[in-house]
Every structure is written in structure tokens, then in C-alpha cells.
Amino acid sequence: MRLLQIIIITVLLTTGLVHSQEKVKPSVNWISFEQLEDSLQTNPKPVLLFFHTDWCSYCKKMLSETFTAPEVIEKLNSHYYAVEFDAESIDSIQFDGQLFKNDFTIKRTGKYHELAKILMGSENRAIFPTTMLLNEDFSVKTKKINYLSIKQILNIL
């Protein structure tokens, strides 16, 4: 019995040491539209909007490669507010004093959220991924409707 207790304690202690030595990887500080509205009022700065869908392979590639690169993370977190948004989301969003929603209550391919349609400027022909850079006053600085590599996104940032 005593030997079993020693083994359990040893395993718990070494597991704790291994976990404490693992470094937390930095990531983009993605915020919601609601958080964006508050942030822009208190501390205006440029905004990056990233529109994606679940079925878009290039969107997934940007999320897993482009937006995980340390230099992209550092630049975005230091100089921009970053919002990633699933264009087919069924969540209601309160933004700029208005309520935006998807007309569908069940997520469906090709049925885009009202806010995505307005901001992307495309009612029926949305292309993903769409990345937009907005000035502090929310005017569009750059709009890209394709996959952006690390180098390409750094060039526009």
C-alpha cells in the first residue's frame, strides 16, 4: 500500500512539472464585434476583420498557419484590433446600436449573417477567406478576398 502511494505521488509531481514547463504559445487576441465597439470607443486603432466559413479550406489554412506566425501575432496584437467571424454564424450581434442576425436559425452553407453581408459588401457572391483592414474610423483601407500567406499579410499590415 505504501509503495502504491509513493508511485501515485511521484506520478502526480512529475506530471505537474511537465505541464508547468510547457510554454503557452502566443495567439492573436481575437475579439467579438461587441468587444470591438467598446474598444474603439476607449482606444481607437485600426481593425482587421477576418471572415471565414467552416467549409473553407483556405480559411482554415490561414487560421492555422498565417495567424499563428509569431510576427503576425505580434503585429496584430500590438497595432490592431482583430475580429474573426464565421460568416454563416447564427448568433445575434449587437453592434453600433443595431442588432444584426442571420435570417436562418440553423447554420446552413451559403446563408450568410447580415453583418457579414453588410461589411463584406456582397449579398449573394461572398468569397472566402475575406480579410479587411479598417482605419480607426472604420473606413475600409484594404480588402483581400483570397488566401494570404504570412508574407502577404505582413505586407498589408
Protein backbone atom coordinates (compact mmCIF):
# COMPACT_ATOMS: atom_id res chain seq x y z
CA MET A 1 0.00 0.00 0.00
CA ARG A 2 2.80 2.39 0.92
CA LEU A 3 4.59 1.68 -2.37
CA LEU A 4 1.40 2.46 -4.31
CA GLN A 5 1.08 5.83 -2.53
CA ILE A 6 4.70 6.70 -3.36
CA ILE A 7 4.15 5.82 -7.03
CA ILE A 8 0.98 7.90 -7.23
CA ILE A 9 2.65 10.91 -5.59
CA THR A 10 5.67 10.61 -7.89
CA VAL A 11 3.47 10.45 -11.00
CA LEU A 12 1.43 13.45 -9.87
CA LEU A 13 4.53 15.51 -9.10
CA THR A 14 6.30 14.72 -12.37
CA THR A 15 3.12 15.34 -14.38
CA GLY A 16 2.78 18.74 -12.71
CA LEU A 17 6.40 19.60 -13.52
CA VAL A 18 6.00 18.64 -17.16
CA HIS A 19 2.87 20.78 -17.51
CA SER A 20 4.45 23.74 -15.75
CA GLN A 21 7.41 23.63 -18.12
CA GLU A 22 5.22 23.76 -21.25
CA LYS A 23 5.09 27.27 -22.65
CA VAL A 24 1.81 28.80 -23.66
CA LYS A 25 2.00 29.61 -27.34
CA PRO A 26 1.13 33.20 -28.20
CA SER A 27 -2.00 33.71 -30.24
CA VAL A 28 -3.92 36.52 -31.89
CA ASN A 29 -6.16 38.34 -29.41
CA TRP A 30 -9.37 37.80 -31.36
CA ILE A 31 -12.28 39.86 -30.05
CA SER A 32 -16.01 39.93 -30.83
CA PHE A 33 -17.86 42.75 -32.55
CA GLU A 34 -19.36 43.73 -29.20
CA GLN A 35 -15.88 43.97 -27.66
CA LEU A 36 -14.68 45.88 -30.73
CA GLU A 37 -17.29 48.56 -30.26
CA ASP A 38 -16.21 49.12 -26.65
CA SER A 39 -12.52 49.02 -27.54
CA LEU A 40 -12.84 51.55 -30.37
CA GLN A 41 -14.59 53.98 -28.03
CA THR A 42 -11.90 53.78 -25.36
CA ASN A 43 -8.78 53.37 -27.51
CA PRO A 44 -9.22 53.84 -31.28
CA LYS A 45 -6.84 51.91 -33.54
CA PRO A 46 -7.05 50.09 -36.89
CA VAL A 47 -9.09 46.90 -37.20
CA LEU A 48 -8.51 43.61 -39.00
CA LEU A 49 -11.69 41.70 -39.88
CA PHE A 50 -11.32 38.08 -40.95
CA PHE A 51 -14.43 36.46 -42.44
CA HIS A 52 -14.42 32.69 -42.82
CA THR A 53 -16.69 29.65 -43.01
CA ASP A 54 -16.40 26.12 -41.64
CA TRP A 55 -16.16 24.58 -45.11
CA CYS A 56 -13.43 26.91 -46.47
CA SER A 57 -10.08 25.09 -46.58
CA TYR A 58 -8.09 28.27 -47.25
CA CYS A 59 -9.78 29.92 -44.25
CA LYS A 60 -8.67 27.03 -42.06
CA LYS A 61 -5.17 27.26 -43.51
CA MET A 62 -4.97 30.97 -42.68
CA LEU A 63 -6.18 30.33 -39.13
CA SER A 64 -3.69 27.51 -38.61
CA GLU A 65 -0.68 28.97 -40.45
CA THR A 66 -0.88 32.70 -41.19
CA PHE A 67 -2.48 33.73 -37.90
CA THR A 68 -0.17 31.51 -35.81
CA ALA A 69 3.08 33.02 -37.12
CA PRO A 70 4.82 34.90 -34.28
CA GLU A 71 5.50 38.00 -36.39
CA VAL A 72 1.85 38.23 -37.49
CA ILE A 73 0.63 37.71 -33.92
CA GLU A 74 2.96 40.41 -32.60
CA LYS A 75 1.96 42.93 -35.26
CA LEU A 76 -1.77 42.31 -34.88
CA ASN A 77 -1.79 42.28 -31.09
CA SER A 78 0.33 45.44 -30.89
CA HIS A 79 -1.26 47.64 -33.54
CA TYR A 80 -4.74 46.32 -34.40
CA TYR A 81 -7.99 45.02 -33.04
CA ALA A 82 -8.60 41.65 -34.67
CA VAL A 83 -12.06 40.16 -35.22
CA GLU A 84 -12.58 36.75 -36.77
CA PHE A 85 -16.13 35.98 -37.79
CA ASP A 86 -17.87 32.92 -39.18
CA ALA A 87 -19.95 34.46 -41.98
CA GLU A 88 -22.56 31.73 -41.58
CA SER A 89 -22.95 32.27 -37.83
CA ILE A 90 -26.49 32.17 -36.45
CA ASP A 91 -25.61 34.29 -33.40
CA SER A 92 -27.24 37.70 -32.98
CA ILE A 93 -24.75 40.56 -32.67
CA GLN A 94 -25.32 43.95 -31.09
CA PHE A 95 -23.02 46.42 -32.84
CA ASP A 96 -23.11 50.16 -33.43
CA GLY A 97 -26.51 50.44 -31.76
CA GLN A 98 -28.12 47.83 -34.04
CA LEU A 99 -28.97 44.16 -33.79
CA PHE A 100 -27.62 42.02 -36.64
CA LYS A 101 -28.60 38.41 -37.20
CA ASN A 102 -28.77 35.59 -39.69
CA ASP A 103 -32.22 35.04 -41.16
CA PHE A 104 -31.75 31.32 -40.51
CA THR A 105 -31.87 29.74 -37.06
CA ILE A 106 -29.91 26.69 -38.21
CA LYS A 107 -26.45 27.11 -39.69
CA ARG A 108 -26.52 26.49 -43.45
CA THR A 109 -23.87 26.69 -46.15
CA GLY A 110 -24.26 29.84 -48.22
CA LYS A 111 -26.69 31.52 -45.81
CA TYR A 112 -24.68 34.45 -44.56
CA HIS A 113 -25.07 36.56 -41.47
CA GLU A 114 -26.49 40.03 -42.02
CA LEU A 115 -23.38 41.72 -40.59
CA ALA A 116 -21.08 39.72 -42.87
CA LYS A 117 -23.14 40.69 -45.92
CA ILE A 118 -23.04 44.37 -45.00
CA LEU A 119 -19.34 44.53 -44.16
CA MET A 120 -18.17 42.30 -47.00
CA GLY A 121 -20.37 44.20 -49.45
CA SER A 122 -21.59 41.04 -51.09
CA GLU A 123 -25.17 39.88 -50.76
CA ASN A 124 -25.02 36.63 -52.72
CA ARG A 125 -21.46 36.24 -54.01
CA ALA A 126 -19.27 36.08 -50.95
CA ILE A 127 -15.73 34.81 -51.39
CA PHE A 128 -13.74 33.30 -48.54
CA PRO A 129 -11.47 33.99 -46.89
CA THR A 130 -12.11 37.73 -46.84
CA THR A 131 -9.69 39.89 -44.87
CA MET A 132 -10.36 43.57 -44.36
CA LEU A 133 -8.22 46.27 -42.80
CA LEU A 134 -10.17 49.21 -41.48
CA ASN A 135 -8.90 52.58 -40.33
CA GLU A 136 -9.68 53.82 -36.84
CA ASP A 137 -12.84 55.50 -38.17
CA PHE A 138 -13.98 52.11 -39.61
CA SER A 139 -13.40 53.16 -43.23
CA VAL A 140 -12.02 50.38 -45.45
CA LYS A 141 -8.28 50.61 -46.03
CA THR A 142 -7.74 47.22 -47.71
CA LYS A 143 -9.95 44.30 -48.70
CA LYS A 144 -8.49 40.96 -49.80
CA ILE A 145 -10.71 38.11 -50.95
CA ASN A 146 -8.18 35.31 -51.10
CA TYR A 147 -5.75 33.30 -49.03
CA LEU A 148 -2.98 35.44 -47.54
CA SER A 149 0.38 33.95 -46.66
CA ILE A 150 2.43 35.22 -43.73
CA LYS A 151 4.47 37.43 -46.03
CA GLN A 152 1.39 38.80 -47.81
CA ILE A 153 -0.44 39.70 -44.62
CA LEU A 154 2.66 41.35 -43.15
CA ASN A 155 2.93 43.47 -46.30
CA ILE A 156 -0.59 44.82 -45.89
CA LEU A 157 -0.29 45.31 -42.15
